[in-house]
Amino acid sequence: MTEAHERVVLRTAKLADELRIGDVGIMVHIYHDRLAYEVEFTTPRGDTAGLVTAEASQVRAFQENFVRKSGEFALTLPGYFVSSIFLT
């Protein structure tokens, strides 16, 4: 994660009551030391669900080949389904 406005995925159970592991947000600010980020999470309608300061270990880069599946992510490849992967 190197640029502001990149999508990230929440890895931590609770940063705010409205957020869950696997929620996708946008980095809106990267702190100078890169140990923390300001991240905005939105609802599917575009309303803000939470604006939080997350430590680098609490989020990970969003990957296009992951599909959200009830708090977990399933790795999908064209024509294949490869086992579920739980976030830790």
PDB file of N, CA and C in Angstrom:
ATOM      1  N   MET A   1       0.849  -1.166   0.000  1.00  0.00           N
ATOM      2  CA  MET A   1       0.000   0.000   0.000  1.00  0.00           C
ATOM      3  C   MET A   1       0.897   1.231   0.000  1.00  0.00           C
ATOM      4  N   THR A   2       0.846   1.922  -1.089  1.00  0.00           N
ATOM      5  CA  THR A   2       1.765   3.039  -1.200  1.00  0.00           C
ATOM      6  C   THR A   2       1.102   4.361  -1.529  1.00  0.00           C
ATOM      7  N   GLU A   3      -0.091   4.355  -2.015  1.00  0.00           N
ATOM      8  CA  GLU A   3      -0.718   5.589  -2.474  1.00  0.00           C
ATOM      9  C   GLU A   3      -2.043   5.847  -1.759  1.00  0.00           C
ATOM     10  N   ALA A   4      -2.349   7.118  -1.550  1.00  0.00           N
ATOM     11  CA  ALA A   4      -3.673   7.484  -1.055  1.00  0.00           C
ATOM     12  C   ALA A   4      -4.698   7.128  -2.125  1.00  0.00           C
ATOM     13  N   HIS A   5      -5.898   6.899  -1.735  1.00  0.00           N
ATOM     14  CA  HIS A   5      -7.032   6.557  -2.587  1.00  0.00           C
ATOM     15  C   HIS A   5      -6.983   5.119  -3.092  1.00  0.00           C
ATOM     16  N   GLU A   6      -6.129   4.290  -2.521  1.00  0.00           N
ATOM     17  CA  GLU A   6      -6.149   2.869  -2.832  1.00  0.00           C
ATOM     18  C   GLU A   6      -7.197   2.198  -1.957  1.00  0.00           C
ATOM     19  N   ARG A   7      -7.784   1.121  -2.476  1.00  0.00           N
ATOM     20  CA  ARG A   7      -8.732   0.341  -1.690  1.00  0.00           C
ATOM     21  C   ARG A   7      -7.978  -0.595  -0.763  1.00  0.00           C
ATOM     22  N   VAL A   8      -8.495  -0.728   0.444  1.00  0.00           N
ATOM     23  CA  VAL A   8      -7.921  -1.635   1.431  1.00  0.00           C
ATOM     24  C   VAL A   8      -9.031  -2.469   2.051  1.00  0.00           C
ATOM     25  N   VAL A   9      -8.636  -3.574   2.662  1.00  0.00           N
ATOM     26  CA  VAL A   9      -9.577  -4.493   3.302  1.00  0.00           C
ATOM     27  C   VAL A   9      -9.263  -4.539   4.789  1.00  0.00           C
ATOM     28  N   LEU A  10     -10.299  -4.457   5.600  1.00  0.00           N
ATOM     29  CA  LEU A  10     -10.154  -4.484   7.050  1.00  0.00           C
ATOM     30  C   LEU A  10      -9.796  -5.887   7.524  1.00  0.00           C
ATOM     31  N   ARG A  11      -8.742  -5.994   8.334  1.00  0.00           N
ATOM     32  CA  ARG A  11      -8.288  -7.281   8.869  1.00  0.00           C
ATOM     33  C   ARG A  11      -8.611  -7.431  10.341  1.00  0.00           C
ATOM     34  N   THR A  12      -9.034  -6.381  11.017  1.00  0.00           N
ATOM     35  CA  THR A  12      -9.246  -6.365  12.460  1.00  0.00           C
ATOM     36  C   THR A  12     -10.726  -6.382  12.782  1.00  0.00           C
ATOM     37  N   ALA A  13     -11.077  -7.111  13.802  1.00  0.00           N
ATOM     38  CA  ALA A  13     -12.488  -7.278  14.149  1.00  0.00           C
ATOM     39  C   ALA A  13     -13.194  -5.966  14.463  1.00  0.00           C
ATOM     40  N   LYS A  14     -12.593  -5.103  15.247  1.00  0.00           N
ATOM     41  CA  LYS A  14     -13.313  -3.899  15.674  1.00  0.00           C
ATOM     42  C   LYS A  14     -12.450  -2.645  15.632  1.00  0.00           C
ATOM     43  N   LEU A  15     -12.703  -1.812  14.668  1.00  0.00           N
ATOM     44  CA  LEU A  15     -12.161  -0.452  14.688  1.00  0.00           C
ATOM     45  C   LEU A  15     -13.294   0.517  14.963  1.00  0.00           C
ATOM     46  N   ALA A  16     -14.490   0.129  14.562  1.00  0.00           N
ATOM     47  CA  ALA A  16     -15.707   0.905  14.818  1.00  0.00           C
ATOM     48  C   ALA A  16     -16.861  -0.087  14.825  1.00  0.00           C
ATOM     49  N   ASP A  17     -17.915   0.217  15.552  1.00  0.00           N
ATOM     50  CA  ASP A  17     -19.046  -0.706  15.670  1.00  0.00           C
ATOM     51  C   ASP A  17     -19.668  -1.080  14.332  1.00  0.00           C
ATOM     52  N   GLU A  18     -19.600  -0.174  13.369  1.00  0.00           N
ATOM     53  CA  GLU A  18     -20.249  -0.394  12.078  1.00  0.00           C
ATOM     54  C   GLU A  18     -19.426  -1.260  11.136  1.00  0.00           C
ATOM     55  N   LEU A  19     -18.183  -1.565  11.486  1.00  0.00           N
ATOM     56  CA  LEU A  19     -17.280  -2.244  10.566  1.00  0.00           C
ATOM     57  C   LEU A  19     -17.044  -3.691  10.963  1.00  0.00           C
ATOM     58  N   ARG A  20     -16.783  -4.521   9.935  1.00  0.00           N
ATOM     59  CA  ARG A  20     -16.497  -5.943  10.143  1.00  0.00           C
ATOM     60  C   ARG A  20     -15.252  -6.325   9.350  1.00  0.00           C
ATOM     61  N   ILE A  21     -14.630  -7.417   9.744  1.00  0.00           N
ATOM     62  CA  ILE A  21     -13.513  -7.949   8.974  1.00  0.00           C
ATOM     63  C   ILE A  21     -13.985  -8.159   7.541  1.00  0.00           C
ATOM     64  N   GLY A  22     -13.172  -7.735   6.593  1.00  0.00           N
ATOM     65  CA  GLY A  22     -13.515  -7.903   5.183  1.00  0.00           C
ATOM     66  C   GLY A  22     -14.123  -6.683   4.541  1.00  0.00           C
ATOM     67  N   ASP A  23     -14.513  -5.681   5.353  1.00  0.00           N
ATOM     68  CA  ASP A  23     -15.056  -4.453   4.764  1.00  0.00           C
ATOM     69  C   ASP A  23     -13.970  -3.757   3.942  1.00  0.00           C
ATOM     70  N   VAL A  24     -14.387  -3.167   2.845  1.00  0.00           N
ATOM     71  CA  VAL A  24     -13.465  -2.494   1.932  1.00  0.00           C
ATOM     72  C   VAL A  24     -13.590  -0.989   2.128  1.00  0.00           C
ATOM     73  N   GLY A  25     -12.447  -0.316   2.214  1.00  0.00           N
ATOM     74  CA  GLY A  25     -12.435   1.127   2.378  1.00  0.00           C
ATOM     75  C   GLY A  25     -11.391   1.755   1.477  1.00  0.00           C
ATOM     76  N   ILE A  26     -11.345   3.074   1.510  1.00  0.00           N
ATOM     77  CA  ILE A  26     -10.400   3.850   0.711  1.00  0.00           C
ATOM     78  C   ILE A  26      -9.463   4.589   1.660  1.00  0.00           C
ATOM     79  N   MET A  27      -8.155   4.480   1.420  1.00  0.00           N
ATOM     80  CA  MET A  27      -7.196   5.245   2.211  1.00  0.00           C
ATOM     81  C   MET A  27      -7.317   6.705   1.802  1.00  0.00           C
ATOM     82  N   VAL A  28      -7.632   7.567   2.751  1.00  0.00           N
ATOM     83  CA  VAL A  28      -7.754   8.984   2.441  1.00  0.00           C
ATOM     84  C   VAL A  28      -6.555   9.786   2.941  1.00  0.00           C
ATOM     85  N   HIS A  29      -5.759   9.166   3.798  1.00  0.00           N
ATOM     86  CA  HIS A  29      -4.544   9.833   4.276  1.00  0.00           C
ATOM     87  C   HIS A  29      -3.540   8.775   4.716  1.00  0.00           C
ATOM     88  N   ILE A  30      -2.285   8.988   4.354  1.00  0.00           N
ATOM     89  CA  ILE A  30      -1.199   8.123   4.808  1.00  0.00           C
ATOM     90  C   ILE A  30      -0.332   8.955   5.736  1.00  0.00           C
ATOM     91  N   TYR A  31      -0.172   8.504   6.980  1.00  0.00           N
ATOM     92  CA  TYR A  31       0.655   9.248   7.916  1.00  0.00           C
ATOM     93  C   TYR A  31       2.119   9.133   7.518  1.00  0.00           C
ATOM     94  N   HIS A  32       2.874  10.146   7.861  1.00  0.00           N
ATOM     95  CA  HIS A  32       4.262  10.291   7.426  1.00  0.00           C
ATOM     96  C   HIS A  32       5.093   9.022   7.658  1.00  0.00           C
ATOM     97  N   ASP A  33       4.898   8.354   8.766  1.00  0.00           N
ATOM     98  CA  ASP A  33       5.700   7.173   9.085  1.00  0.00           C
ATOM     99  C   ASP A  33       5.182   5.891   8.427  1.00  0.00           C
ATOM    100  N   ARG A  34       4.032   5.961   7.743  1.00  0.00           N
ATOM    101  CA  ARG A  34       3.386   4.823   7.075  1.00  0.00           C
ATOM    102  C   ARG A  34       3.014   3.684   8.026  1.00  0.00           C
ATOM    103  N   LEU A  35       2.935   3.986   9.309  1.00  0.00           N
ATOM    104  CA  LEU A  35       2.521   2.982  10.277  1.00  0.00           C
ATOM    105  C   LEU A  35       1.020   3.014  10.500  1.00  0.00           C
ATOM    106  N   ALA A  36       0.360   4.048   9.962  1.00  0.00           N
ATOM    107  CA  ALA A  36      -1.088   4.183  10.117  1.00  0.00           C
ATOM    108  C   ALA A  36      -1.667   4.914   8.916  1.00  0.00           C
ATOM    109  N   TYR A  37      -2.962   4.679   8.703  1.00  0.00           N
ATOM    110  CA  TYR A  37      -3.682   5.279   7.582  1.00  0.00           C
ATOM    111  C   TYR A  37      -5.031   5.769   8.072  1.00  0.00           C
ATOM    112  N   GLU A  38      -5.526   6.822   7.476  1.00  0.00           N
ATOM    113  CA  GLU A  38      -6.912   7.251   7.687  1.00  0.00           C
ATOM    114  C   GLU A  38      -7.705   6.579   6.572  1.00  0.00           C
ATOM    115  N   VAL A  39      -8.711   5.805   6.942  1.00  0.00           N
ATOM    116  CA  VAL A  39      -9.462   5.007   5.968  1.00  0.00           C
ATOM    117  C   VAL A  39     -10.949   5.309   6.090  1.00  0.00           C
ATOM    118  N   GLU A  40     -11.592   5.552   4.951  1.00  0.00           N
ATOM    119  CA  GLU A  40     -13.043   5.767   4.922  1.00  0.00           C
ATOM    120  C   GLU A  40     -13.707   4.513   4.374  1.00  0.00           C
ATOM    121  N   PHE A  41     -14.644   3.985   5.151  1.00  0.00           N
ATOM    122  CA  PHE A  41     -15.441   2.838   4.742  1.00  0.00           C
ATOM    123  C   PHE A  41     -16.836   3.344   4.405  1.00  0.00           C
ATOM    124  N   THR A  42     -17.403   2.864   3.315  1.00  0.00           N
ATOM    125  CA  THR A  42     -18.730   3.314   2.895  1.00  0.00           C
ATOM    126  C   THR A  42     -19.674   2.138   2.735  1.00  0.00           C
ATOM    127  N   THR A  43     -20.956   2.464   2.764  1.00  0.00           N
ATOM    128  CA  THR A  43     -21.990   1.465   2.493  1.00  0.00           C
ATOM    129  C   THR A  43     -22.105   1.303   0.981  1.00  0.00           C
ATOM    130  N   PRO A  44     -22.792   0.271   0.509  1.00  0.00           N
ATOM    131  CA  PRO A  44     -22.982   0.119  -0.941  1.00  0.00           C
ATOM    132  C   PRO A  44     -23.655   1.328  -1.591  1.00  0.00           C
ATOM    133  N   ARG A  45     -24.442   2.092  -0.815  1.00  0.00           N
ATOM    134  CA  ARG A  45     -25.086   3.295  -1.361  1.00  0.00           C
ATOM    135  C   ARG A  45     -24.158   4.493  -1.390  1.00  0.00           C
ATOM    136  N   GLY A  46     -22.972   4.362  -0.793  1.00  0.00           N
ATOM    137  CA  GLY A  46     -22.014   5.459  -0.798  1.00  0.00           C
ATOM    138  C   GLY A  46     -22.001   6.294   0.465  1.00  0.00           C
ATOM    139  N   ASP A  47     -22.836   5.948   1.447  1.00  0.00           N
ATOM    140  CA  ASP A  47     -22.831   6.665   2.719  1.00  0.00           C
ATOM    141  C   ASP A  47     -21.619   6.230   3.544  1.00  0.00           C
ATOM    142  N   THR A  48     -21.049   7.143   4.305  1.00  0.00           N
ATOM    143  CA  THR A  48     -19.905   6.800   5.143  1.00  0.00           C
ATOM    144  C   THR A  48     -20.337   5.887   6.281  1.00  0.00           C
ATOM    145  N   ALA A  49     -19.691   4.724   6.376  1.00  0.00           N
ATOM    146  CA  ALA A  49     -19.958   3.782   7.462  1.00  0.00           C
ATOM    147  C   ALA A  49     -18.973   4.000   8.596  1.00  0.00           C
ATOM    148  N   GLY A  50     -17.808   4.530   8.275  1.00  0.00           N
ATOM    149  CA  GLY A  50     -16.808   4.803   9.293  1.00  0.00           C
ATOM    150  C   GLY A  50     -15.593   5.471   8.696  1.00  0.00           C
ATOM    151  N   LEU A  51     -15.033   6.388   9.448  1.00  0.00           N
ATOM    152  CA  LEU A  51     -13.777   7.039   9.089  1.00  0.00           C
ATOM    153  C   LEU A  51     -12.864   6.775  10.266  1.00  0.00           C
ATOM    154  N   VAL A  52     -11.843   5.926  10.062  1.00  0.00           N
ATOM    155  CA  VAL A  52     -11.030   5.466  11.176  1.00  0.00           C
ATOM    156  C   VAL A  52      -9.548   5.612  10.872  1.00  0.00           C
ATOM    157  N   THR A  53      -8.766   5.695  11.928  1.00  0.00           N
ATOM    158  CA  THR A  53      -7.319   5.608  11.806  1.00  0.00           C
ATOM    159  C   THR A  53      -6.956   4.152  12.054  1.00  0.00           C
ATOM    160  N   ALA A  54      -6.374   3.518  11.056  1.00  0.00           N
ATOM    161  CA  ALA A  54      -6.020   2.106  11.142  1.00  0.00           C
ATOM    162  C   ALA A  54      -4.513   1.947  11.105  1.00  0.00           C
ATOM    163  N   GLU A  55      -4.004   1.111  11.984  1.00  0.00           N
ATOM    164  CA  GLU A  55      -2.588   0.780  11.921  1.00  0.00           C
ATOM    165  C   GLU A  55      -2.350  -0.059  10.674  1.00  0.00           C
ATOM    166  N   ALA A  56      -1.129  -0.050  10.179  1.00  0.00           N
ATOM    167  CA  ALA A  56      -0.797  -0.781   8.951  1.00  0.00           C
ATOM    168  C   ALA A  56      -1.169  -2.261   9.060  1.00  0.00           C
ATOM    169  N   SER A  57      -1.052  -2.847  10.231  1.00  0.00           N
ATOM    170  CA  SER A  57      -1.368  -4.266  10.410  1.00  0.00           C
ATOM    171  C   SER A  57      -2.872  -4.548  10.421  1.00  0.00           C
ATOM    172  N   GLN A  58      -3.701  -3.514  10.517  1.00  0.00           N
ATOM    173  CA  GLN A  58      -5.150  -3.700  10.607  1.00  0.00           C
ATOM    174  C   GLN A  58      -5.854  -3.692   9.257  1.00  0.00           C
ATOM    175  N   VAL A  59      -5.127  -3.358   8.194  1.00  0.00           N
ATOM    176  CA  VAL A  59      -5.694  -3.370   6.847  1.00  0.00           C
ATOM    177  C   VAL A  59      -4.697  -4.029   5.898  1.00  0.00           C
ATOM    178  N   ARG A  60      -5.204  -4.473   4.773  1.00  0.00           N
ATOM    179  CA  ARG A  60      -4.327  -5.025   3.745  1.00  0.00           C
ATOM    180  C   ARG A  60      -4.785  -4.492   2.401  1.00  0.00           C
ATOM    181  N   ALA A  61      -3.941  -4.589   1.415  1.00  0.00           N
ATOM    182  CA  ALA A  61      -4.281  -4.117   0.079  1.00  0.00           C
ATOM    183  C   ALA A  61      -5.446  -4.928  -0.475  1.00  0.00           C
ATOM    184  N   PHE A  62      -6.345  -4.261  -1.163  1.00  0.00           N
ATOM    185  CA  PHE A  62      -7.473  -4.919  -1.823  1.00  0.00           C
ATOM    186  C   PHE A  62      -6.947  -5.640  -3.055  1.00  0.00           C
ATOM    187  N   GLN A  63      -7.428  -6.863  -3.271  1.00  0.00           N
ATOM    188  CA  GLN A  63      -7.030  -7.630  -4.450  1.00  0.00           C
ATOM    189  C   GLN A  63      -8.278  -7.952  -5.255  1.00  0.00           C
ATOM    190  N   GLU A  64      -8.231  -7.685  -6.535  1.00  0.00           N
ATOM    191  CA  GLU A  64      -9.389  -7.878  -7.407  1.00  0.00           C
ATOM    192  C   GLU A  64      -9.868  -9.324  -7.457  1.00  0.00           C
ATOM    193  N   ASN A  65      -8.985 -10.297  -7.236  1.00  0.00           N
ATOM    194  CA  ASN A  65      -9.381 -11.694  -7.376  1.00  0.00           C
ATOM    195  C   ASN A  65      -9.942 -12.300  -6.095  1.00  0.00           C
ATOM    196  N   PHE A  66     -10.303 -11.461  -5.112  1.00  0.00           N
ATOM    197  CA  PHE A  66     -10.966 -11.939  -3.914  1.00  0.00           C
ATOM    198  C   PHE A  66     -12.419 -11.494  -3.927  1.00  0.00           C
ATOM    199  N   VAL A  67     -13.307 -12.387  -3.524  1.00  0.00           N
ATOM    200  CA  VAL A  67     -14.733 -12.101  -3.493  1.00  0.00           C
ATOM    201  C   VAL A  67     -15.204 -12.232  -2.055  1.00  0.00           C
ATOM    202  N   ARG A  68     -15.886 -11.211  -1.575  1.00  0.00           N
ATOM    203  CA  ARG A  68     -16.377 -11.260  -0.200  1.00  0.00           C
ATOM    204  C   ARG A  68     -17.440 -12.328  -0.058  1.00  0.00           C
ATOM    205  N   LYS A  69     -17.363 -13.070   1.016  1.00  0.00           N
ATOM    206  CA  LYS A  69     -18.303 -14.156   1.262  1.00  0.00           C
ATOM    207  C   LYS A  69     -18.527 -14.267   2.761  1.00  0.00           C
ATOM    208  N   SER A  70     -19.440 -13.489   3.301  1.00  0.00           N
ATOM    209  CA  SER A  70     -19.832 -13.572   4.688  1.00  0.00           C
ATOM    210  C   SER A  70     -18.668 -13.554   5.671  1.00  0.00           C
ATOM    211  N   GLY A  71     -17.894 -12.473   5.671  1.00  0.00           N
ATOM    212  CA  GLY A  71     -16.804 -12.332   6.616  1.00  0.00           C
ATOM    213  C   GLY A  71     -15.538 -13.062   6.233  1.00  0.00           C
ATOM    214  N   GLU A  72     -15.550 -13.714   5.096  1.00  0.00           N
ATOM    215  CA  GLU A  72     -14.351 -14.384   4.624  1.00  0.00           C
ATOM    216  C   GLU A  72     -14.168 -14.030   3.165  1.00  0.00           C
ATOM    217  N   PHE A  73     -13.083 -14.399   2.621  1.00  0.00           N
ATOM    218  CA  PHE A  73     -12.839 -14.153   1.211  1.00  0.00           C
ATOM    219  C   PHE A  73     -12.588 -15.473   0.518  1.00  0.00           C
ATOM    220  N   ALA A  74     -13.131 -15.617  -0.672  1.00  0.00           N
ATOM    221  CA  ALA A  74     -12.907 -16.809  -1.469  1.00  0.00           C
ATOM    222  C   ALA A  74     -12.079 -16.407  -2.670  1.00  0.00           C
ATOM    223  N   LEU A  75     -10.966 -17.083  -2.876  1.00  0.00           N
ATOM    224  CA  LEU A  75     -10.111 -16.794  -4.014  1.00  0.00           C
ATOM    225  C   LEU A  75     -10.754 -17.374  -5.260  1.00  0.00           C
ATOM    226  N   THR A  76     -10.973 -16.557  -6.262  1.00  0.00           N
ATOM    227  CA  THR A  76     -11.585 -17.036  -7.491  1.00  0.00           C
ATOM    228  C   THR A  76     -10.637 -16.826  -8.655  1.00  0.00           C
ATOM    229  N   LEU A  77     -10.553 -17.811  -9.490  1.00  0.00           N
ATOM    230  CA  LEU A  77      -9.771 -17.751 -10.706  1.00  0.00           C
ATOM    231  C   LEU A  77     -10.699 -18.099 -11.854  1.00  0.00           C
ATOM    232  N   PRO A  78     -10.474 -17.574 -13.037  1.00  0.00           N
ATOM    233  CA  PRO A  78     -11.368 -17.866 -14.155  1.00  0.00           C
ATOM    234  C   PRO A  78     -11.547 -19.372 -14.348  1.00  0.00           C
ATOM    235  N   GLY A  79     -12.780 -19.828 -14.213  1.00  0.00           N
ATOM    236  CA  GLY A  79     -13.093 -21.242 -14.407  1.00  0.00           C
ATOM    237  C   GLY A  79     -12.809 -22.133 -13.211  1.00  0.00           C
ATOM    238  N   TYR A  80     -12.322 -21.566 -12.095  1.00  0.00           N
ATOM    239  CA  TYR A  80     -11.964 -22.370 -10.929  1.00  0.00           C
ATOM    240  C   TYR A  80     -12.488 -21.733  -9.663  1.00  0.00           C
ATOM    241  N   PHE A  81     -12.660 -22.542  -8.652  1.00  0.00           N
ATOM    242  CA  PHE A  81     -12.922 -22.036  -7.302  1.00  0.00           C
ATOM    243  C   PHE A  81     -11.881 -22.675  -6.410  1.00  0.00           C
ATOM    244  N   VAL A  82     -11.089 -21.873  -5.754  1.00  0.00           N
ATOM    245  CA  VAL A  82     -10.022 -22.378  -4.908  1.00  0.00           C
ATOM    246  C   VAL A  82     -10.358 -22.070  -3.462  1.00  0.00           C
ATOM    247  N   SER A  83     -10.669 -23.041  -2.685  1.00  0.00           N
ATOM    248  CA  SER A  83     -10.890 -22.989  -1.258  1.00  0.00           C
ATOM    249  C   SER A  83     -11.080 -21.592  -0.655  1.00  0.00           C
ATOM    250  N   SER A  84     -11.778 -21.534   0.454  1.00  0.00           N
ATOM    251  CA  SER A  84     -11.984 -20.277   1.172  1.00  0.00           C
ATOM    252  C   SER A  84     -10.756 -19.939   2.004  1.00  0.00           C
ATOM    253  N   ILE A  85     -10.504 -18.662   2.140  1.00  0.00           N
ATOM    254  CA  ILE A  85      -9.370 -18.188   2.914  1.00  0.00           C
ATOM    255  C   ILE A  85      -9.915 -17.257   3.984  1.00  0.00           C
ATOM    256  N   PHE A  86      -9.666 -17.569   5.257  1.00  0.00           N
ATOM    257  CA  PHE A  86     -10.143 -16.729   6.333  1.00  0.00           C
ATOM    258  C   PHE A  86      -9.096 -15.682   6.650  1.00  0.00           C
ATOM    259  N   LEU A  87      -9.536 -14.453   6.884  1.00  0.00           N
ATOM    260  CA  LEU A  87      -8.620 -13.385   7.254  1.00  0.00           C
ATOM    261  C   LEU A  87      -8.209 -13.551   8.702  1.00  0.00           C
ATOM    262  N   THR A  88      -6.973 -13.228   8.991  1.00  0.00           N
ATOM    263  CA  THR A  88      -6.497 -13.297  10.376  1.00  0.00           C
ATOM    264  C   THR A  88      -5.956 -11.956  10.786  1.00  0.00           C
TER     265      THR A  88
END
